[in-house]
Amino acid sequence: MRYSFLGNTGLKVSQLCLGATEFGGNTPADEARRIWSRCLDAGVNFVDTADVCAHSETLLAELMRGRRQSLVLSTKVFRPTGPGPNDAGLSRKHIVQACEASLRRLGTDYIDLYLAHSDDFLTPLEETLGAFDQLVRQGKVLYIGASNHCAWRLNEALWTALERGFARYCCAQALYNLREREIEAELLPMCEHKGLGLIAWSPLARGALTGAKAGDGDAVSADTAATHARIDAALAQIATQLQRPRSQVALRWVLNRPGVAAAAMGASTLAQAEENLGVADLQLDPAQMAALDQAGAPRLPYPALLEPLARALRSSG
């Protein structure tokens, strides 16, 4: 297993993060235990869940017993956890109450990484970051991060934390895979520039990049279908060259991208976990990376599309 520093912190996480949100739900407890044991034996130390998956947090309390100190545990807050008007969002009230509830379910006295599951445009950033800072100062949370945030809001949060002397987001969790590369326009470059580690979720595009599914599950435009076909062809060719599963090639591409600290793998069976873990010793050469890059290169929006042109202009002559 390879490890990365999480952003500009001193915390080292396994490049493969075990996504455990389905543990005790769609993934039965017995299968979850087998996946857990295999992943930890392979060197995975990074585990991710969310408070809306109470079944997962409860099962993780059992699975972590006796091994808590060696793990980097991540959970999230924002989504509704009850019917009340304050049972969702990033208000101080909800953050503090949700953290206490997660700690009880997880059977631990601290959370390594606490993520804002989504942005809350209706709560002042000062309130949200002040609540996270309070939990950090109390030792209930060690690091904080943001999931599903756009670049300008994440940058605003970093500035607010600096201005107020609050704990700072150290990472961003975002949808990123060979098919879905929108974050390359702004979020990914910003994270790299600001020293935030990027945790990619759905790195296999909900299984579409494994080759196990035929065609596109949802209706897409002709241009999108053509792009998907190019990506699938490039994946298949490289997987054949390396005699490796497509899933491993797709995972290694994500992990090789600048700024990416980890990819959250959501294995629902032991066989899937076993296959994904094989990425640890896989190498892609520059030509293979370039082929995958070009197969699904996104059409950058204005003004991001001007960056490569400006770079080329300034570096010429």
Protein backbone atom coordinates (compact mmCIF):
# COMPACT_ATOMS: atom_id res chain seq x y z
CA MET A 1 0.00 0.00 0.00
CA ARG A 2 1.18 3.52 -0.79
CA TYR A 3 0.53 6.44 1.55
CA SER A 4 0.16 10.17 0.97
CA PHE A 5 0.20 13.21 3.22
CA LEU A 6 -3.31 14.62 3.42
CA GLY A 7 -2.85 18.08 1.94
CA ASN A 8 -0.29 20.15 3.80
CA THR A 9 -0.81 18.27 7.08
CA GLY A 10 1.50 15.71 8.64
CA LEU A 11 -1.23 13.06 8.47
CA LYS A 12 -0.48 10.06 6.25
CA VAL A 13 -3.39 8.19 4.68
CA SER A 14 -3.48 5.13 2.47
CA GLN A 15 -4.06 6.09 -1.14
CA LEU A 16 -6.98 3.70 -1.15
CA CYS A 17 -9.65 4.86 1.27
CA LEU A 18 -12.23 2.26 2.28
CA GLY A 19 -15.67 3.75 1.62
CA ALA A 20 -17.80 2.14 4.30
CA THR A 21 -21.12 3.97 3.93
CA GLU A 22 -22.90 0.78 2.79
CA PHE A 23 -21.56 -1.35 5.64
CA GLY A 24 -24.48 -2.82 7.55
CA GLY A 25 -26.86 -1.65 4.81
CA ASN A 26 -26.55 -2.83 1.20
CA THR A 27 -23.35 -4.61 2.24
CA PRO A 28 -24.37 -7.18 4.88
CA ALA A 29 -22.42 -7.17 8.13
CA ASP A 30 -20.70 -10.51 7.48
CA GLU A 31 -19.44 -9.41 4.05
CA ALA A 32 -18.43 -6.04 5.50
CA ARG A 33 -16.30 -7.82 8.12
CA ARG A 34 -14.51 -9.81 5.40
CA ILE A 35 -13.88 -6.68 3.32
CA TRP A 36 -12.66 -4.84 6.42
CA SER A 37 -10.19 -7.56 7.42
CA ARG A 38 -8.78 -7.89 3.91
CA CYS A 39 -8.35 -4.14 3.44
CA LEU A 40 -6.62 -3.64 6.78
CA ASP A 41 -4.36 -6.62 6.12
CA ALA A 42 -3.40 -4.94 2.81
CA GLY A 43 -2.37 -1.76 4.64
CA VAL A 44 -5.49 0.41 4.26
CA ASN A 45 -5.62 2.81 7.22
CA PHE A 46 -8.16 5.34 5.88
CA VAL A 47 -11.88 4.67 6.38
CA ASP A 48 -14.72 6.94 5.28
CA THR A 49 -18.39 7.01 6.24
CA ALA A 50 -21.14 9.56 6.98
CA ASP A 51 -23.60 10.31 9.74
CA VAL A 52 -26.61 9.68 7.48
CA CYS A 53 -25.39 6.07 7.36
CA ALA A 54 -25.96 5.33 11.06
CA HIS A 55 -25.83 1.59 10.33
CA SER A 56 -22.29 2.05 9.00
CA GLU A 57 -21.06 4.07 11.99
CA THR A 58 -22.54 1.49 14.38
CA LEU A 59 -20.87 -1.44 12.60
CA LEU A 60 -17.56 0.43 12.38
CA ALA A 61 -17.56 0.76 16.18
CA GLU A 62 -17.39 -3.03 16.34
CA LEU A 63 -14.87 -3.38 13.51
CA MET A 64 -12.47 -0.76 14.90
CA ARG A 65 -12.32 -2.30 18.36
CA GLY A 66 -8.69 -2.78 19.33
CA ARG A 67 -7.39 -1.04 16.21
CA ARG A 68 -8.73 2.51 16.58
CA GLN A 69 -5.37 4.25 17.12
CA SER A 70 -3.90 2.95 13.85
CA LEU A 71 -6.83 4.16 11.72
CA VAL A 72 -7.71 7.46 10.12
CA LEU A 73 -11.48 7.66 10.53
CA SER A 74 -13.54 10.08 8.45
CA THR A 75 -17.23 10.87 8.80
CA LYS A 76 -19.45 13.70 7.64
CA VAL A 77 -22.12 16.18 8.67
CA PHE A 78 -24.80 18.11 6.74
CA ARG A 79 -27.48 15.72 5.50
CA PRO A 80 -30.77 15.34 7.43
CA THR A 81 -30.51 13.06 10.45
CA GLY A 82 -34.01 13.69 11.77
CA PRO A 83 -37.33 15.45 11.02
CA GLY A 84 -36.60 18.68 12.88
CA PRO A 85 -35.76 22.04 11.27
CA ASN A 86 -32.27 21.95 12.81
CA ASP A 87 -31.52 18.33 11.95
CA ALA A 88 -29.56 19.23 8.81
CA GLY A 89 -27.11 21.81 7.54
CA LEU A 90 -23.96 23.37 8.95
CA SER A 91 -25.30 25.48 11.81
CA ARG A 92 -23.37 25.38 15.06
CA LYS A 93 -26.27 23.54 16.70
CA HIS A 94 -26.43 20.80 14.10
CA ILE A 95 -22.65 20.35 13.78
CA VAL A 96 -22.13 19.97 17.53
CA GLN A 97 -25.12 17.66 18.02
CA ALA A 98 -24.28 15.56 14.95
CA CYS A 99 -20.67 15.18 16.08
CA GLU A 100 -21.74 13.96 19.51
CA ALA A 101 -24.14 11.46 17.90
CA SER A 102 -21.44 10.16 15.54
CA LEU A 103 -18.98 9.76 18.42
CA ARG A 104 -21.55 7.67 20.33
CA ARG A 105 -22.34 5.45 17.35
CA LEU A 106 -18.67 5.03 16.44
CA GLY A 107 -17.74 4.17 20.01
CA THR A 108 -14.80 6.57 20.00
CA ASP A 109 -13.87 9.84 21.69
CA TYR A 110 -12.45 11.53 18.58
CA ILE A 111 -12.90 11.71 14.80
CA ASP A 112 -9.73 12.01 12.75
CA LEU A 113 -11.31 13.82 9.79
CA TYR A 114 -14.69 15.54 9.99
CA LEU A 115 -16.11 16.64 6.65
CA ALA A 116 -18.83 19.10 5.72
CA HIS A 117 -20.78 16.70 3.50
CA SER A 118 -22.10 19.55 1.34
CA ASP A 119 -21.96 23.32 1.38
CA ASP A 120 -24.61 25.23 3.35
CA PHE A 121 -25.27 28.52 1.60
CA LEU A 122 -27.81 29.55 4.27
CA THR A 123 -25.45 29.46 7.26
CA PRO A 124 -22.65 32.04 7.60
CA LEU A 125 -19.21 30.55 7.04
CA GLU A 126 -18.08 32.14 10.32
CA GLU A 127 -20.67 30.08 12.21
CA THR A 128 -19.82 26.82 10.44
CA LEU A 129 -16.05 27.20 10.78
CA GLY A 130 -16.39 28.43 14.36
CA ALA A 131 -18.27 25.25 15.27
CA PHE A 132 -15.66 23.05 13.59
CA ASP A 133 -12.91 25.02 15.34
CA GLN A 134 -14.62 24.46 18.69
CA LEU A 135 -14.64 20.69 18.12
CA VAL A 136 -10.96 20.75 17.13
CA ARG A 137 -10.01 22.73 20.24
CA GLN A 138 -11.96 20.25 22.38
CA GLY A 139 -10.05 17.33 20.84
CA LYS A 140 -13.20 15.71 19.48
CA VAL A 141 -12.04 16.31 15.90
CA LEU A 142 -8.44 16.36 14.67
CA TYR A 143 -8.80 17.61 11.08
CA ILE A 144 -11.64 19.13 9.05
CA GLY A 145 -12.44 19.07 5.36
CA ALA A 146 -15.10 19.89 2.79
CA SER A 147 -17.01 17.59 0.47
CA ASN A 148 -18.95 18.61 -2.63
CA HIS A 149 -17.93 22.28 -2.48
CA CYS A 150 -17.33 24.55 -5.44
CA ALA A 151 -13.95 26.23 -5.72
CA TRP A 152 -14.95 29.80 -4.89
CA ARG A 153 -16.79 28.78 -1.72
CA LEU A 154 -13.94 26.59 -0.59
CA ASN A 155 -11.51 29.43 -1.16
CA GLU A 156 -13.81 31.75 0.82
CA ALA A 157 -13.82 29.25 3.68
CA LEU A 158 -10.01 29.15 3.69
CA TRP A 159 -9.85 32.94 3.83
CA THR A 160 -12.44 33.11 6.62
CA ALA A 161 -10.52 30.56 8.68
CA LEU A 162 -7.30 32.52 8.21
CA GLU A 163 -8.96 35.82 9.07
CA ARG A 164 -10.68 34.47 12.20
CA GLY A 165 -7.89 32.16 13.39
CA PHE A 166 -10.08 29.08 12.99
CA ALA A 167 -9.00 25.54 12.11
CA ARG A 168 -8.64 25.29 8.33
CA TYR A 169 -10.02 22.74 5.88
CA CYS A 170 -7.14 20.43 4.97
CA CYS A 171 -8.80 18.51 2.16
CA ALA A 172 -11.65 18.40 -0.31
CA GLN A 173 -13.67 15.35 -1.27
CA ALA A 174 -15.11 15.47 -4.77
CA LEU A 175 -16.52 13.36 -7.59
CA TYR A 176 -13.62 12.51 -9.89
CA ASN A 177 -12.99 9.75 -12.41
CA LEU A 178 -12.13 9.26 -16.06
CA ARG A 179 -15.69 10.10 -17.09
CA GLU A 180 -16.36 12.98 -14.69
CA ARG A 181 -13.53 15.49 -14.77
CA GLU A 182 -15.29 18.81 -14.22
CA ILE A 183 -13.18 19.60 -11.16
CA GLU A 184 -10.14 20.00 -13.41
CA ALA A 185 -11.44 23.45 -14.44
CA GLU A 186 -11.13 25.10 -11.02
CA LEU A 187 -11.45 22.92 -7.92
CA LEU A 188 -8.50 20.59 -8.51
CA PRO A 189 -6.00 23.35 -9.45
CA MET A 190 -7.17 25.40 -6.47
CA CYS A 191 -6.69 22.47 -4.08
CA GLU A 192 -3.20 21.89 -5.42
CA HIS A 193 -2.33 25.59 -5.13
CA LYS A 194 -3.73 25.94 -1.60
CA GLY A 195 -2.28 22.68 -0.27
CA LEU A 196 -5.55 20.79 0.13
CA GLY A 197 -5.52 17.06 -0.47
CA LEU A 198 -8.15 15.85 -2.92
CA ILE A 199 -10.07 12.69 -2.00
CA ALA A 200 -11.80 11.33 -5.10
CA TRP A 201 -15.15 9.67 -4.58
CA SER A 202 -16.71 7.34 -7.16
CA PRO A 203 -13.33 6.84 -8.88
CA LEU A 204 -14.85 4.01 -10.94
CA ALA A 205 -17.92 6.03 -11.98
CA ARG A 206 -20.31 3.81 -10.03
CA GLY A 207 -18.85 0.71 -11.68
CA ALA A 208 -19.11 2.01 -15.26
CA LEU A 209 -15.30 1.93 -15.70
CA THR A 210 -14.87 -1.69 -14.61
CA GLY A 211 -16.13 -3.18 -17.85
CA ALA A 212 -18.78 -5.10 -15.95
CA LYS A 213 -21.59 -2.91 -17.30
CA ALA A 214 -22.57 -2.75 -20.95
CA GLY A 215 -22.96 0.72 -22.43
CA ASP A 216 -24.28 3.78 -20.59
CA GLY A 217 -26.86 3.14 -17.91
CA ASP A 218 -28.41 6.58 -18.30
CA ALA A 219 -29.43 8.44 -21.42
CA VAL A 220 -26.55 10.65 -22.58
CA SER A 221 -25.88 12.89 -25.55
CA ALA A 222 -24.17 11.58 -28.66
CA ASP A 223 -21.01 13.55 -27.79
CA THR A 224 -20.93 12.12 -24.27
CA ALA A 225 -21.52 8.59 -25.53
CA ALA A 226 -18.63 9.01 -27.98
CA THR A 227 -16.35 10.24 -25.18
CA HIS A 228 -17.32 7.28 -23.00
CA ALA A 229 -16.57 4.93 -25.89
CA ARG A 230 -13.08 6.46 -26.33
CA ILE A 231 -12.39 6.11 -22.61
CA ASP A 232 -13.59 2.49 -22.57
CA ALA A 233 -11.44 1.65 -25.57
CA ALA A 234 -8.33 3.23 -24.03
CA LEU A 235 -8.99 1.46 -20.72
CA ALA A 236 -9.47 -1.88 -22.46
CA GLN A 237 -6.29 -1.50 -24.51
CA ILE A 238 -4.11 -0.59 -21.52
CA ALA A 239 -5.68 -3.24 -19.30
CA THR A 240 -4.88 -5.83 -21.96
CA GLN A 241 -1.29 -4.56 -22.28
CA LEU A 242 -0.78 -4.80 -18.53
CA GLN A 243 -2.92 -7.91 -18.05
CA ARG A 244 -4.79 -6.12 -15.27
CA PRO A 245 -8.48 -5.41 -14.67
CA ARG A 246 -9.87 -2.14 -16.03
CA SER A 247 -10.81 -1.10 -12.51
CA GLN A 248 -7.15 -1.05 -11.46
CA VAL A 249 -6.14 1.03 -14.48
CA ALA A 250 -8.93 3.54 -13.82
CA LEU A 251 -7.99 3.78 -10.14
CA ARG A 252 -4.30 4.26 -10.89
CA TRP A 253 -5.13 7.07 -13.34
CA VAL A 254 -7.04 8.92 -10.60
CA LEU A 255 -4.30 8.36 -8.02
CA ASN A 256 -1.62 9.61 -10.42
CA ARG A 257 -3.40 12.91 -11.02
CA PRO A 258 -1.74 15.99 -9.45
CA GLY A 259 -3.21 16.95 -6.10
CA VAL A 260 -5.03 13.65 -5.46
CA ALA A 261 -4.21 12.20 -2.04
CA ALA A 262 -6.60 9.25 -2.01
CA ALA A 263 -9.47 7.56 -3.80
CA ALA A 264 -12.46 6.22 -1.88
CA MET A 265 -13.28 2.71 -3.07
CA GLY A 266 -16.79 1.55 -2.29
CA ALA A 267 -16.44 -2.22 -2.58
CA SER A 268 -19.66 -4.08 -1.77
CA THR A 269 -18.13 -7.57 -2.04
CA LEU A 270 -14.84 -9.12 -1.01
CA ALA A 271 -14.08 -9.91 -4.67
CA GLN A 272 -14.43 -6.23 -5.61
CA ALA A 273 -12.21 -5.17 -2.72
CA GLU A 274 -9.59 -7.75 -3.70
CA GLU A 275 -9.55 -6.47 -7.27
CA ASN A 276 -9.29 -2.82 -6.22
CA LEU A 277 -6.46 -3.50 -3.78
CA GLY A 278 -4.38 -4.78 -6.69
CA VAL A 279 -3.84 -1.17 -7.81
CA ALA A 280 -1.19 -0.75 -5.09
CA ASP A 281 1.61 -2.22 -7.21
CA LEU A 282 0.34 -1.06 -10.60
CA GLN A 283 2.36 1.46 -12.60
CA LEU A 284 1.23 3.45 -15.64
CA ASP A 285 3.91 4.87 -17.89
CA PRO A 286 3.65 8.44 -19.28
CA ALA A 287 2.30 7.22 -22.61
CA GLN A 288 -0.48 5.26 -20.94
CA MET A 289 -1.40 8.22 -18.72
CA ALA A 290 -1.45 10.48 -21.77
CA ALA A 291 -3.70 8.08 -23.69
CA LEU A 292 -6.22 8.07 -20.85
CA ASP A 293 -5.96 11.84 -20.40
CA GLN A 294 -6.68 12.45 -24.06
CA ALA A 295 -9.50 9.90 -24.33
CA GLY A 296 -11.68 11.79 -21.89
CA ALA A 297 -10.16 15.27 -21.90
CA PRO A 298 -12.89 17.64 -20.70
CA ARG A 299 -13.92 20.71 -22.64
CA LEU A 300 -12.91 23.38 -20.16
CA PRO A 301 -15.32 26.27 -19.65
CA TYR A 302 -14.36 29.89 -20.09
CA PRO A 303 -12.12 31.31 -18.64
CA ALA A 304 -10.36 28.09 -17.57
CA LEU A 305 -9.86 27.18 -21.23
CA LEU A 306 -7.54 30.18 -21.59
CA GLU A 307 -4.98 28.88 -19.08
CA PRO A 308 -3.16 26.44 -21.39
CA LEU A 309 -3.14 29.08 -24.11
CA ALA A 310 -1.68 31.69 -21.76
CA ARG A 311 0.94 29.24 -20.49
CA ALA A 312 1.96 28.34 -24.04
CA LEU A 313 2.16 32.01 -25.01
CA ARG A 314 4.35 32.95 -22.04
CA SER A 315 6.63 29.93 -22.35
CA SER A 316 7.28 30.36 -26.08
CA GLY A 317 10.34 32.32 -27.13
